[in-house]
Amino acid sequence: MISENVNSILRAIVANLQTPVVIILLILMIATVVVAGTFVFEFFVEHRRLQADVPKLIETMNTTKVCDMSDLVNRNELLPRQKKVLKQLIQEQKMDSESREIYAAQLLFEEEEHYQNYLRWPQMISKLSPMFGLLGTLVPLGPGLMALGEGNTALLSQSLLIAFDTTSAGVLIAAVALVIAQIRRQWYRNYAQVLESLMEVILDKMKAEEQCLETGGAKC
């Protein structure tokens, strides 16, 4: 008797989940459209601007004084955020070597966190949508099976149609979000690698100039 009451309560709760699940899937679909829009905007406005010849830039930096590096950074086709971070590091030339390395690590960490924020949404959507798609598949199957036992094929067809629709929606949303997340992850890994390489060149150049001044070099 108790078991039947518990099952009835559970069945009633699950039966009432159908509408919330569909609403959540619609919200996830809208969120995916927004993420896709920002992805396209980011590609045309930001990603395509990174056209700097990094090996050549590194070679030029090695032959440029630190005081002239800000102008060099401005002239190259780096991302605006990369230029900002590099100029911030260049401005801290008066710091001691160890402090500069810590500051550079902090700047790099902040940039990685900035781009991680753009990855969290598509990653979350790609994980949540299959779950709610599966839930949307299972919830209407209960009434559908009951309708099958009663010979109500119309209700069974409706339940199966809802199940297939929610499954398809969940998989489609997850696929789009996953593709966007993977492409963005590759972009951001490249951004971070370029930035880290240029920061290392700047730090090495600063250290070399300091050592040159300490030894009283005339060409520092």
N, C-alpha and C. Protein backbone atom coordinates (compact mmCIF):
# COMPACT_ATOMS: atom_id res chain seq x y z
N MET A 1 0.83 -1.21 0.00
CA MET A 1 0.00 0.00 0.00
C MET A 1 0.87 1.26 0.00
N ILE A 2 1.87 1.26 0.89
CA ILE A 2 2.78 2.40 0.95
C ILE A 2 3.55 2.52 -0.34
N SER A 3 3.96 1.36 -0.87
CA SER A 3 4.71 1.37 -2.11
C SER A 3 3.88 1.95 -3.25
N GLU A 4 2.60 1.61 -3.30
CA GLU A 4 1.72 2.13 -4.35
C GLU A 4 1.55 3.64 -4.23
N ASN A 5 1.45 4.13 -2.98
CA ASN A 5 1.30 5.58 -2.76
C ASN A 5 2.57 6.32 -3.19
N VAL A 6 3.72 5.73 -2.85
CA VAL A 6 4.98 6.36 -3.24
C VAL A 6 5.11 6.40 -4.75
N ASN A 7 4.76 5.29 -5.40
CA ASN A 7 4.83 5.25 -6.87
C ASN A 7 3.86 6.25 -7.50
N SER A 8 2.70 6.41 -6.90
CA SER A 8 1.72 7.37 -7.43
C SER A 8 2.24 8.79 -7.32
N ILE A 9 2.86 9.09 -6.16
CA ILE A 9 3.43 10.43 -5.97
C ILE A 9 4.55 10.68 -6.97
N LEU A 10 5.44 9.67 -7.13
CA LEU A 10 6.54 9.81 -8.07
C LEU A 10 6.04 9.98 -9.49
N ARG A 11 5.00 9.20 -9.86
CA ARG A 11 4.44 9.29 -11.20
C ARG A 11 3.83 10.66 -11.45
N ALA A 12 3.16 11.19 -10.42
CA ALA A 12 2.54 12.52 -10.56
C ALA A 12 3.60 13.60 -10.73
N ILE A 13 4.70 13.47 -9.98
CA ILE A 13 5.78 14.47 -10.09
C ILE A 13 6.41 14.42 -11.47
N VAL A 14 6.72 13.20 -11.93
CA VAL A 14 7.37 13.04 -13.23
C VAL A 14 6.45 13.51 -14.35
N ALA A 15 5.16 13.20 -14.23
CA ALA A 15 4.21 13.60 -15.27
C ALA A 15 4.14 15.11 -15.42
N ASN A 16 4.34 15.83 -14.31
CA ASN A 16 4.28 17.29 -14.35
C ASN A 16 5.59 17.93 -14.80
N LEU A 17 6.60 17.10 -15.09
CA LEU A 17 7.90 17.64 -15.54
C LEU A 17 7.92 17.94 -17.03
N GLN A 18 6.94 17.45 -17.76
CA GLN A 18 7.00 17.56 -19.22
C GLN A 18 7.06 19.02 -19.68
N THR A 19 6.18 19.84 -19.16
CA THR A 19 6.15 21.26 -19.57
C THR A 19 7.43 21.99 -19.17
N PRO A 20 7.91 21.85 -17.89
CA PRO A 20 9.18 22.51 -17.54
C PRO A 20 10.36 22.05 -18.40
N VAL A 21 10.41 20.77 -18.74
CA VAL A 21 11.51 20.25 -19.56
C VAL A 21 11.48 20.88 -20.95
N VAL A 22 10.31 20.97 -21.55
CA VAL A 22 10.18 21.58 -22.88
C VAL A 22 10.57 23.06 -22.82
N ILE A 23 10.16 23.75 -21.76
CA ILE A 23 10.50 25.17 -21.60
C ILE A 23 12.01 25.34 -21.48
N ILE A 24 12.65 24.47 -20.67
CA ILE A 24 14.10 24.54 -20.51
C ILE A 24 14.82 24.28 -21.83
N LEU A 25 14.33 23.32 -22.61
CA LEU A 25 14.92 23.05 -23.91
C LEU A 25 14.79 24.25 -24.85
N LEU A 26 13.65 24.92 -24.78
CA LEU A 26 13.46 26.13 -25.59
C LEU A 26 14.43 27.23 -25.15
N ILE A 27 14.64 27.36 -23.83
CA ILE A 27 15.59 28.35 -23.32
C ILE A 27 17.00 28.01 -23.78
N LEU A 28 17.36 26.73 -23.71
CA LEU A 28 18.68 26.30 -24.17
C LEU A 28 18.86 26.53 -25.67
N MET A 29 17.78 26.35 -26.41
CA MET A 29 17.84 26.60 -27.85
C MET A 29 18.08 28.08 -28.14
N ILE A 30 17.38 28.95 -27.41
CA ILE A 30 17.58 30.40 -27.57
C ILE A 30 19.00 30.78 -27.17
N ALA A 31 19.49 30.19 -26.05
CA ALA A 31 20.86 30.47 -25.60
C ALA A 31 21.87 30.02 -26.64
N THR A 32 21.60 28.90 -27.31
CA THR A 32 22.52 28.42 -28.35
C THR A 32 22.54 29.37 -29.54
N VAL A 33 21.39 29.91 -29.90
CA VAL A 33 21.33 30.88 -31.00
C VAL A 33 22.14 32.12 -30.64
N VAL A 34 22.02 32.57 -29.39
CA VAL A 34 22.79 33.74 -28.94
C VAL A 34 24.28 33.44 -28.97
N VAL A 35 24.67 32.27 -28.46
CA VAL A 35 26.09 31.87 -28.46
C VAL A 35 26.62 31.78 -29.89
N ALA A 36 25.81 31.21 -30.79
CA ALA A 36 26.23 31.12 -32.19
C ALA A 36 26.40 32.50 -32.81
N GLY A 37 25.51 33.43 -32.44
CA GLY A 37 25.63 34.80 -32.94
C GLY A 37 26.90 35.48 -32.45
N THR A 38 27.21 35.32 -31.16
CA THR A 38 28.44 35.91 -30.63
C THR A 38 29.68 35.25 -31.23
N PHE A 39 29.57 33.96 -31.55
CA PHE A 39 30.68 33.23 -32.17
C PHE A 39 30.97 33.80 -33.56
N VAL A 40 29.94 34.01 -34.36
CA VAL A 40 30.12 34.58 -35.70
C VAL A 40 30.67 36.00 -35.60
N PHE A 41 30.13 36.78 -34.67
CA PHE A 41 30.61 38.15 -34.47
C PHE A 41 32.07 38.15 -34.06
N GLU A 42 32.44 37.25 -33.15
CA GLU A 42 33.82 37.16 -32.68
C GLU A 42 34.76 36.77 -33.82
N PHE A 43 34.30 35.89 -34.70
CA PHE A 43 35.14 35.46 -35.81
C PHE A 43 35.47 36.63 -36.74
N PHE A 44 34.46 37.40 -37.11
CA PHE A 44 34.67 38.47 -38.07
C PHE A 44 35.30 39.72 -37.45
N VAL A 45 35.01 39.98 -36.17
CA VAL A 45 35.48 41.22 -35.55
C VAL A 45 36.82 41.05 -34.85
N GLU A 46 37.06 39.88 -34.24
CA GLU A 46 38.27 39.71 -33.43
C GLU A 46 39.23 38.68 -34.01
N HIS A 47 38.77 37.47 -34.23
CA HIS A 47 39.68 36.39 -34.60
C HIS A 47 40.46 36.70 -35.88
N ARG A 48 39.80 37.28 -36.86
CA ARG A 48 40.46 37.56 -38.14
C ARG A 48 41.49 38.69 -38.03
N ARG A 49 41.48 39.41 -36.91
CA ARG A 49 42.44 40.50 -36.74
C ARG A 49 43.81 40.00 -36.32
N LEU A 50 43.87 38.74 -35.85
CA LEU A 50 45.16 38.18 -35.44
C LEU A 50 45.89 37.66 -36.67
N GLN A 51 46.64 38.53 -37.31
CA GLN A 51 47.36 38.17 -38.53
C GLN A 51 48.86 38.48 -38.41
N ALA A 52 49.31 38.69 -37.21
CA ALA A 52 50.73 39.01 -37.00
C ALA A 52 51.60 37.79 -37.31
N ASP A 53 52.74 38.06 -37.90
CA ASP A 53 53.75 37.03 -38.14
C ASP A 53 54.56 36.89 -36.85
N VAL A 54 54.15 35.95 -36.01
CA VAL A 54 54.72 35.84 -34.67
C VAL A 54 56.22 35.55 -34.69
N PRO A 55 56.72 34.60 -35.48
CA PRO A 55 58.18 34.38 -35.50
C PRO A 55 58.95 35.64 -35.89
N LYS A 56 58.45 36.35 -36.90
CA LYS A 56 59.12 37.57 -37.32
C LYS A 56 59.05 38.64 -36.24
N LEU A 57 57.90 38.72 -35.54
CA LEU A 57 57.74 39.69 -34.46
C LEU A 57 58.70 39.39 -33.32
N ILE A 58 58.85 38.11 -32.98
CA ILE A 58 59.79 37.73 -31.92
C ILE A 58 61.22 38.10 -32.31
N GLU A 59 61.56 37.85 -33.56
CA GLU A 59 62.90 38.20 -34.04
C GLU A 59 63.13 39.70 -33.96
N THR A 60 62.11 40.48 -34.32
CA THR A 60 62.23 41.94 -34.27
C THR A 60 62.34 42.42 -32.83
N MET A 61 61.58 41.80 -31.94
CA MET A 61 61.62 42.18 -30.53
C MET A 61 63.01 41.97 -29.94
N ASN A 62 63.66 40.91 -30.36
CA ASN A 62 64.99 40.60 -29.83
C ASN A 62 66.04 41.64 -30.21
N THR A 63 65.75 42.41 -31.25
CA THR A 63 66.69 43.45 -31.68
C THR A 63 66.18 44.86 -31.37
N THR A 64 65.11 44.94 -30.59
CA THR A 64 64.50 46.23 -30.26
C THR A 64 64.67 46.52 -28.78
N LYS A 65 64.93 47.77 -28.44
CA LYS A 65 65.00 48.15 -27.04
C LYS A 65 63.62 48.10 -26.40
N VAL A 66 63.61 47.87 -25.10
CA VAL A 66 62.34 47.75 -24.39
C VAL A 66 61.52 49.03 -24.50
N CYS A 67 62.19 50.16 -24.47
CA CYS A 67 61.48 51.45 -24.54
C CYS A 67 60.77 51.65 -25.88
N ASP A 68 61.18 50.90 -26.91
CA ASP A 68 60.56 51.03 -28.24
C ASP A 68 59.56 49.90 -28.53
N MET A 69 59.39 49.01 -27.58
CA MET A 69 58.54 47.84 -27.84
C MET A 69 57.06 48.18 -27.90
N SER A 70 56.63 49.19 -27.17
CA SER A 70 55.21 49.57 -27.21
C SER A 70 54.80 49.97 -28.61
N ASP A 71 55.62 50.75 -29.27
CA ASP A 71 55.33 51.15 -30.66
C ASP A 71 55.35 49.94 -31.59
N LEU A 72 56.28 49.02 -31.34
CA LEU A 72 56.36 47.81 -32.15
C LEU A 72 55.10 46.97 -31.99
N VAL A 73 54.64 46.84 -30.77
CA VAL A 73 53.41 46.08 -30.50
C VAL A 73 52.22 46.73 -31.19
N ASN A 74 52.13 48.05 -31.13
CA ASN A 74 51.01 48.77 -31.75
C ASN A 74 50.97 48.58 -33.26
N ARG A 75 52.13 48.46 -33.87
CA ARG A 75 52.19 48.37 -35.34
C ARG A 75 51.83 46.98 -35.86
N ASN A 76 51.89 45.98 -35.02
CA ASN A 76 51.62 44.61 -35.46
C ASN A 76 50.14 44.26 -35.31
N GLU A 77 49.71 43.29 -36.13
CA GLU A 77 48.30 42.91 -36.17
C GLU A 77 47.99 41.86 -35.11
N LEU A 78 48.15 42.27 -33.86
CA LEU A 78 47.77 41.44 -32.73
C LEU A 78 46.35 41.80 -32.31
N LEU A 79 45.78 40.97 -31.43
CA LEU A 79 44.46 41.30 -30.90
C LEU A 79 44.57 42.49 -29.95
N PRO A 80 43.53 43.32 -29.86
CA PRO A 80 43.58 44.47 -28.95
C PRO A 80 43.91 44.09 -27.51
N ARG A 81 43.36 42.97 -27.04
CA ARG A 81 43.64 42.54 -25.67
C ARG A 81 45.10 42.13 -25.51
N GLN A 82 45.66 41.50 -26.52
CA GLN A 82 47.07 41.11 -26.46
C GLN A 82 47.97 42.35 -26.42
N LYS A 83 47.65 43.35 -27.23
CA LYS A 83 48.42 44.58 -27.22
C LYS A 83 48.36 45.25 -25.85
N LYS A 84 47.17 45.28 -25.28
CA LYS A 84 46.99 45.91 -23.97
C LYS A 84 47.84 45.23 -22.90
N VAL A 85 47.81 43.90 -22.89
CA VAL A 85 48.56 43.15 -21.87
C VAL A 85 50.06 43.34 -22.06
N LEU A 86 50.53 43.27 -23.30
CA LEU A 86 51.96 43.44 -23.56
C LEU A 86 52.45 44.83 -23.16
N LYS A 87 51.63 45.85 -23.44
CA LYS A 87 52.02 47.21 -23.06
C LYS A 87 52.00 47.40 -21.54
N GLN A 88 51.08 46.71 -20.88
CA GLN A 88 51.06 46.75 -19.41
C GLN A 88 52.36 46.18 -18.85
N LEU A 89 52.81 45.08 -19.44
CA LEU A 89 54.05 44.46 -18.97
C LEU A 89 55.25 45.36 -19.27
N ILE A 90 55.27 45.96 -20.45
CA ILE A 90 56.39 46.82 -20.83
C ILE A 90 56.49 48.03 -19.90
N GLN A 91 55.35 48.53 -19.45
CA GLN A 91 55.34 49.71 -18.59
C GLN A 91 55.92 49.44 -17.21
N GLU A 92 56.02 48.17 -16.84
CA GLU A 92 56.53 47.81 -15.51
C GLU A 92 58.01 47.46 -15.57
N GLN A 93 58.75 48.16 -16.38
CA GLN A 93 60.18 47.88 -16.55
C GLN A 93 60.97 48.14 -15.27
N LYS A 94 60.45 49.03 -14.42
CA LYS A 94 61.17 49.37 -13.20
C LYS A 94 61.06 48.30 -12.12
N MET A 95 60.17 47.35 -12.29
CA MET A 95 60.06 46.25 -11.34
C MET A 95 61.33 45.40 -11.38
N ASP A 96 61.59 44.70 -10.29
CA ASP A 96 62.71 43.75 -10.32
C ASP A 96 62.28 42.52 -11.12
N SER A 97 63.23 41.72 -11.52
CA SER A 97 63.00 40.61 -12.44
C SER A 97 61.97 39.61 -11.91
N GLU A 98 62.09 39.26 -10.63
CA GLU A 98 61.17 38.28 -10.06
C GLU A 98 59.74 38.82 -10.01
N SER A 99 59.58 40.08 -9.63
CA SER A 99 58.26 40.69 -9.56
C SER A 99 57.62 40.77 -10.95
N ARG A 100 58.43 41.07 -11.95
CA ARG A 100 57.90 41.14 -13.31
C ARG A 100 57.38 39.78 -13.77
N GLU A 101 58.09 38.73 -13.44
CA GLU A 101 57.64 37.40 -13.84
C GLU A 101 56.32 37.04 -13.15
N ILE A 102 56.20 37.41 -11.89
CA ILE A 102 54.94 37.16 -11.17
C ILE A 102 53.81 37.98 -11.79
N TYR A 103 54.11 39.23 -12.12
CA TYR A 103 53.11 40.10 -12.73
C TYR A 103 52.70 39.57 -14.11
N ALA A 104 53.65 39.09 -14.87
CA ALA A 104 53.35 38.52 -16.19
C ALA A 104 52.47 37.28 -16.06
N ALA A 105 52.76 36.45 -15.08
CA ALA A 105 51.94 35.25 -14.84
C ALA A 105 50.51 35.64 -14.47
N GLN A 106 50.38 36.70 -13.67
CA GLN A 106 49.05 37.17 -13.27
C GLN A 106 48.28 37.71 -14.48
N LEU A 107 48.96 38.48 -15.32
CA LEU A 107 48.31 39.01 -16.52
C LEU A 107 47.85 37.88 -17.45
N LEU A 108 48.70 36.88 -17.60
CA LEU A 108 48.35 35.75 -18.46
C LEU A 108 47.17 34.97 -17.88
N PHE A 109 47.16 34.80 -16.57
CA PHE A 109 46.06 34.11 -15.90
C PHE A 109 44.74 34.86 -16.10
N GLU A 110 44.78 36.18 -15.97
CA GLU A 110 43.57 36.99 -16.15
C GLU A 110 43.03 36.88 -17.57
N GLU A 111 43.94 36.82 -18.55
CA GLU A 111 43.51 36.67 -19.94
C GLU A 111 42.87 35.30 -20.16
N GLU A 112 43.47 34.28 -19.60
CA GLU A 112 42.90 32.94 -19.76
C GLU A 112 41.53 32.85 -19.10
N GLU A 113 41.37 33.48 -17.94
CA GLU A 113 40.08 33.50 -17.26
C GLU A 113 39.04 34.26 -18.09
N HIS A 114 39.47 35.35 -18.71
CA HIS A 114 38.56 36.14 -19.56
C HIS A 114 38.00 35.26 -20.67
N TYR A 115 38.84 34.50 -21.32
CA TYR A 115 38.38 33.67 -22.42
C TYR A 115 37.65 32.42 -21.94
N GLN A 116 37.97 31.96 -20.74
CA GLN A 116 37.24 30.82 -20.18
C GLN A 116 35.76 31.17 -19.98
N ASN A 117 35.48 32.43 -19.68
CA ASN A 117 34.09 32.85 -19.51
C ASN A 117 33.29 32.65 -20.79
N TYR A 118 33.94 32.80 -21.94
CA TYR A 118 33.27 32.60 -23.22
C TYR A 118 33.11 31.12 -23.54
N LEU A 119 33.87 30.27 -22.87
CA LEU A 119 33.76 28.83 -23.09
C LEU A 119 32.72 28.18 -22.20
N ARG A 120 32.46 28.79 -21.05
CA ARG A 120 31.58 28.15 -20.06
C ARG A 120 30.16 27.96 -20.58
N TRP A 121 29.63 28.96 -21.29
CA TRP A 121 28.25 28.85 -21.78
C TRP A 121 28.08 27.71 -22.77
N PRO A 122 28.85 27.66 -23.87
CA PRO A 122 28.65 26.52 -24.78
C PRO A 122 28.97 25.18 -24.14
N GLN A 123 29.93 25.13 -23.23
CA GLN A 123 30.23 23.88 -22.54
C GLN A 123 29.05 23.43 -21.68
N MET A 124 28.47 24.38 -20.96
CA MET A 124 27.32 24.05 -20.10
C MET A 124 26.12 23.62 -20.94
N ILE A 125 25.88 24.34 -22.05
CA ILE A 125 24.74 23.99 -22.91
C ILE A 125 24.93 22.60 -23.51
N SER A 126 26.16 22.29 -23.94
CA SER A 126 26.42 20.99 -24.57
C SER A 126 26.24 19.83 -23.59
N LYS A 127 26.36 20.11 -22.29
CA LYS A 127 26.17 19.05 -21.29
C LYS A 127 24.73 18.96 -20.82
N LEU A 128 24.06 20.11 -20.71
CA LEU A 128 22.69 20.11 -20.18
C LEU A 128 21.66 19.66 -21.21
N SER A 129 21.83 20.08 -22.47
CA SER A 129 20.78 19.80 -23.45
C SER A 129 20.54 18.30 -23.69
N PRO A 130 21.58 17.42 -23.75
CA PRO A 130 21.26 15.99 -23.89
C PRO A 130 20.52 15.43 -22.68
N MET A 131 20.84 15.95 -21.48
CA MET A 131 20.15 15.48 -20.27
C MET A 131 18.66 15.80 -20.34
N PHE A 132 18.36 17.06 -20.69
CA PHE A 132 16.95 17.45 -20.75
C PHE A 132 16.28 16.83 -21.98
N GLY A 133 17.05 16.60 -23.05
CA GLY A 133 16.49 15.89 -24.19
C GLY A 133 16.08 14.47 -23.83
N LEU A 134 16.94 13.80 -23.05
CA LEU A 134 16.63 12.44 -22.59
C LEU A 134 15.44 12.45 -21.63
N LEU A 135 15.43 13.44 -20.74
CA LEU A 135 14.32 13.56 -19.80
C LEU A 135 13.02 13.82 -20.55
N GLY A 136 13.10 14.67 -21.57
CA GLY A 136 11.91 14.92 -22.38
C GLY A 136 11.46 13.72 -23.17
N THR A 137 12.37 12.77 -23.39
CA THR A 137 12.02 11.53 -24.07
C THR A 137 11.32 10.56 -23.12
N LEU A 138 11.83 10.47 -21.91
CA LEU A 138 11.32 9.47 -20.96
C LEU A 138 10.00 9.88 -20.32
N VAL A 139 9.83 11.17 -20.05
CA VAL A 139 8.63 11.62 -19.33
C VAL A 139 7.34 11.26 -20.08
N PRO A 140 7.21 11.54 -21.38
CA PRO A 140 5.94 11.21 -22.06
C PRO A 140 5.76 9.72 -22.36
N LEU A 141 6.81 8.91 -22.16
CA LEU A 141 6.68 7.49 -22.44
C LEU A 141 5.77 6.79 -21.43
N GLY A 142 5.72 7.33 -20.20
CA GLY A 142 4.83 6.74 -19.18
C GLY A 142 3.38 6.80 -19.62
N PRO A 143 2.86 8.01 -19.88
CA PRO A 143 1.48 8.08 -20.39
C PRO A 143 1.31 7.34 -21.71
N GLY A 144 2.37 7.33 -22.54
CA GLY A 144 2.26 6.62 -23.81
C GLY A 144 2.07 5.13 -23.64
N LEU A 145 2.81 4.54 -22.69
CA LEU A 145 2.67 3.11 -22.43
C LEU A 145 1.31 2.78 -21.83
N MET A 146 0.84 3.68 -20.97
CA MET A 146 -0.50 3.48 -20.40
C MET A 146 -1.55 3.56 -21.51
N ALA A 147 -1.36 4.50 -22.44
CA ALA A 147 -2.31 4.62 -23.54
C ALA A 147 -2.27 3.38 -24.43
N LEU A 148 -1.07 2.79 -24.60
CA LEU A 148 -0.95 1.57 -25.39
C LEU A 148 -1.74 0.44 -24.75
N GLY A 149 -1.67 0.35 -23.42
CA GLY A 149 -2.41 -0.69 -22.72
C GLY A 149 -3.91 -0.50 -22.84
N GLU A 150 -4.34 0.74 -22.97
CA GLU A 150 -5.77 1.03 -23.10
C GLU A 150 -6.22 1.05 -24.55
N GLY A 151 -5.27 0.87 -25.47
CA GLY A 151 -5.62 0.88 -26.88
C GLY A 151 -5.81 2.26 -27.46
N ASN A 152 -5.33 3.28 -26.75
CA ASN A 152 -5.47 4.67 -27.21
C ASN A 152 -4.24 5.02 -28.06
N THR A 153 -4.32 4.71 -29.34
CA THR A 153 -3.17 4.92 -30.21
C THR A 153 -2.91 6.40 -30.48
N ALA A 154 -3.94 7.22 -30.40
CA ALA A 154 -3.76 8.66 -30.64
C ALA A 154 -2.87 9.27 -29.56
N LEU A 155 -3.14 8.94 -28.29
CA LEU A 155 -2.33 9.45 -27.19
C LEU A 155 -0.91 8.88 -27.25
N LEU A 156 -0.81 7.60 -27.65
CA LEU A 156 0.51 6.99 -27.79
C LEU A 156 1.32 7.71 -28.86
N SER A 157 0.70 8.01 -29.99
CA SER A 157 1.40 8.71 -31.06
C SER A 157 1.86 10.09 -30.62
N GLN A 158 0.99 10.76 -29.88
CA GLN A 158 1.35 12.11 -29.39
C GLN A 158 2.52 12.04 -28.42
N SER A 159 2.52 11.05 -27.54
CA SER A 159 3.61 10.89 -26.57
C SER A 159 4.93 10.57 -27.27
N LEU A 160 4.86 9.69 -28.26
CA LEU A 160 6.08 9.35 -29.00
C LEU A 160 6.60 10.54 -29.80
N LEU A 161 5.69 11.34 -30.34
CA LEU A 161 6.10 12.52 -31.11
C LEU A 161 6.81 13.51 -30.20
N ILE A 162 6.31 13.72 -29.00
CA ILE A 162 6.97 14.62 -28.03
C ILE A 162 8.34 14.07 -27.66
N ALA A 163 8.40 12.76 -27.47
CA ALA A 163 9.68 12.12 -27.09
C ALA A 163 10.72 12.31 -28.19
N PHE A 164 10.33 12.09 -29.43
CA PHE A 164 11.27 12.24 -30.54
C PHE A 164 11.69 13.70 -30.72
N ASP A 165 10.73 14.61 -30.57
CA ASP A 165 11.04 16.04 -30.74
C ASP A 165 12.04 16.52 -29.70
N THR A 166 11.82 16.15 -28.44
CA THR A 166 12.72 16.60 -27.38
C THR A 166 14.11 15.97 -27.52
N THR A 167 14.15 14.71 -27.96
CA THR A 167 15.45 14.06 -28.18
C THR A 167 16.21 14.76 -29.29
N SER A 168 15.53 15.02 -30.39
CA SER A 168 16.18 15.68 -31.53
C SER A 168 16.65 17.07 -31.16
N ALA A 169 15.82 17.81 -30.42
CA ALA A 169 16.19 19.16 -30.01
C ALA A 169 17.42 19.14 -29.10
N GLY A 170 17.42 18.22 -28.14
CA GLY A 170 18.55 18.13 -27.21
C GLY A 170 19.85 17.79 -27.90
N VAL A 171 19.80 16.83 -28.85
CA VAL A 171 21.01 16.43 -29.57
C VAL A 171 21.50 17.56 -30.47
N LEU A 172 20.57 18.22 -31.16
CA LEU A 172 20.94 19.31 -32.06
C LEU A 172 21.59 20.47 -31.30
N ILE A 173 20.98 20.85 -30.20
CA ILE A 173 21.52 21.94 -29.37
C ILE A 173 22.92 21.58 -28.88
N ALA A 174 23.07 20.35 -28.38
CA ALA A 174 24.37 19.92 -27.86
C ALA A 174 25.42 19.91 -28.95
N ALA A 175 25.06 19.47 -30.16
CA ALA A 175 26.03 19.40 -31.26
C ALA A 175 26.54 20.80 -31.63
N VAL A 176 25.63 21.76 -31.77
CA VAL A 176 26.02 23.12 -32.12
C VAL A 176 26.90 23.73 -31.04
N ALA A 177 26.48 23.58 -29.78
CA ALA A 177 27.25 24.15 -28.67
C ALA A 177 28.62 23.51 -28.54
N LEU A 178 28.69 22.20 -28.78
CA LEU A 178 29.97 21.49 -28.67
C LEU A 178 30.95 21.94 -29.75
N VAL A 179 30.45 22.11 -30.98
CA VAL A 179 31.31 22.57 -32.08
C VAL A 179 31.86 23.96 -31.77
N ILE A 180 30.98 24.85 -31.29
CA ILE A 180 31.42 26.21 -30.96
C ILE A 180 32.46 26.18 -29.84
N ALA A 181 32.22 25.36 -28.83
CA ALA A 181 33.16 25.27 -27.71
C ALA A 181 34.52 24.76 -28.16
N GLN A 182 34.54 23.76 -29.04
CA GLN A 182 35.81 23.20 -29.51
C GLN A 182 36.60 24.21 -30.34
N ILE A 183 35.90 24.90 -31.24
CA ILE A 183 36.58 25.89 -32.07
C ILE A 183 37.11 27.03 -31.22
N ARG A 184 36.30 27.51 -30.29
CA ARG A 184 36.74 28.59 -29.41
C ARG A 184 37.92 28.15 -28.55
N ARG A 185 37.87 26.93 -28.07
CA ARG A 185 38.99 26.45 -27.25
C ARG A 185 40.29 26.48 -28.04
N GLN A 186 40.24 26.10 -29.31
CA GLN A 186 41.44 26.14 -30.15
C GLN A 186 41.90 27.58 -30.38
N TRP A 187 40.96 28.47 -30.61
CA TRP A 187 41.31 29.89 -30.76
C TRP A 187 42.03 30.41 -29.53
N TYR A 188 41.41 30.18 -28.38
CA TYR A 188 41.93 30.75 -27.13
C TYR A 188 43.26 30.14 -26.74
N ARG A 189 43.45 28.86 -27.08
CA ARG A 189 44.75 28.24 -26.82
C ARG A 189 45.83 28.92 -27.66
N ASN A 190 45.50 29.25 -28.89
CA ASN A 190 46.43 29.95 -29.76
C ASN A 190 46.70 31.36 -29.25
N TYR A 191 45.65 32.06 -28.82
CA TYR A 191 45.82 33.41 -28.26
C TYR A 191 46.79 33.38 -27.08
N ALA A 192 46.55 32.43 -26.17
CA ALA A 192 47.37 32.34 -24.96
C ALA A 192 48.81 31.99 -25.29
N GLN A 193 49.01 31.10 -26.27
CA GLN A 193 50.36 30.68 -26.63
C GLN A 193 51.14 31.84 -27.23
N VAL A 194 50.49 32.60 -28.13
CA VAL A 194 51.14 33.77 -28.73
C VAL A 194 51.49 34.79 -27.66
N LEU A 195 50.54 35.06 -26.78
CA LEU A 195 50.77 36.05 -25.73
C LEU A 195 51.89 35.62 -24.80
N GLU A 196 51.89 34.36 -24.40
CA GLU A 196 52.93 33.85 -23.50
C GLU A 196 54.31 33.94 -24.15
N SER A 197 54.40 33.61 -25.43
CA SER A 197 55.70 33.66 -26.13
C SER A 197 56.23 35.09 -26.19
N LEU A 198 55.35 36.04 -26.51
CA LEU A 198 55.78 37.43 -26.60
C LEU A 198 56.15 37.99 -25.23
N MET A 199 55.43 37.58 -24.20
CA MET A 199 55.76 38.04 -22.85
C MET A 199 57.12 37.51 -22.41
N GLU A 200 57.43 36.28 -22.76
CA GLU A 200 58.73 35.71 -22.41
C GLU A 200 59.86 36.47 -23.10
N VAL A 201 59.62 36.87 -24.36
CA VAL A 201 60.64 37.65 -25.08
C VAL A 201 60.86 38.99 -24.39
N ILE A 202 59.77 39.63 -24.01
CA ILE A 202 59.88 40.94 -23.33
C ILE A 202 60.61 40.80 -22.00
N LEU A 203 60.27 39.77 -21.22
CA LEU A 203 60.93 39.57 -19.93
C LEU A 203 62.42 39.30 -20.12
N ASP A 204 62.75 38.47 -21.09
CA ASP A 204 64.17 38.18 -21.35
C ASP A 204 64.91 39.43 -21.80
N LYS A 205 64.25 40.24 -22.61
CA LYS A 205 64.88 41.47 -23.09
C LYS A 205 65.11 42.44 -21.94
N MET A 206 64.13 42.56 -21.06
CA MET A 206 64.29 43.43 -19.89
C MET A 206 65.44 42.97 -19.02
N LYS A 207 65.52 41.67 -18.80
CA LYS A 207 66.58 41.13 -17.97
C LYS A 207 67.95 41.35 -18.61
N ALA A 208 68.03 41.18 -19.92
CA ALA A 208 69.30 41.38 -20.63
C ALA A 208 69.75 42.83 -20.54
N GLU A 209 68.80 43.76 -20.68
CA GLU A 209 69.16 45.18 -20.60
C GLU A 209 69.61 45.55 -19.18
N GLU A 210 68.96 44.97 -18.17
CA GLU A 210 69.36 45.23 -16.79
C GLU A 210 70.79 44.73 -16.54
N GLN A 211 71.07 43.53 -17.00
CA GLN A 211 72.41 42.99 -16.82
C GLN A 211 73.45 43.80 -17.57
N CYS A 212 73.06 44.31 -18.73
CA CYS A 212 73.96 45.13 -19.53
C CYS A 212 74.29 46.44 -18.80
N LEU A 213 73.25 47.03 -18.18
CA LEU A 213 73.47 48.28 -17.44
C LEU A 213 74.31 48.05 -16.20
N GLU A 214 74.08 46.92 -15.55
CA GLU A 214 74.84 46.60 -14.34
C GLU A 214 76.32 46.41 -14.63
N THR A 215 76.60 45.89 -15.82
CA THR A 215 78.02 45.68 -16.20
C THR A 215 78.62 46.91 -16.87
N GLY A 216 77.81 47.96 -17.00
CA GLY A 216 78.30 49.21 -17.57
C GLY A 216 78.50 49.15 -19.07
N GLY A 217 77.64 48.37 -19.75
CA GLY A 217 77.74 48.26 -21.21
C GLY A 217 77.37 49.56 -21.89
N ALA A 218 78.08 49.89 -22.91
CA ALA A 218 77.84 51.15 -23.61
C ALA A 218 76.71 51.06 -24.61
N LYS A 219 76.34 49.82 -25.04
CA LYS A 219 75.31 49.65 -26.06
C LYS A 219 73.97 49.26 -25.48
N CYS A 220 73.76 49.48 -24.22
CA CYS A 220 72.50 49.08 -23.60
C CYS A 220 71.37 50.02 -24.02
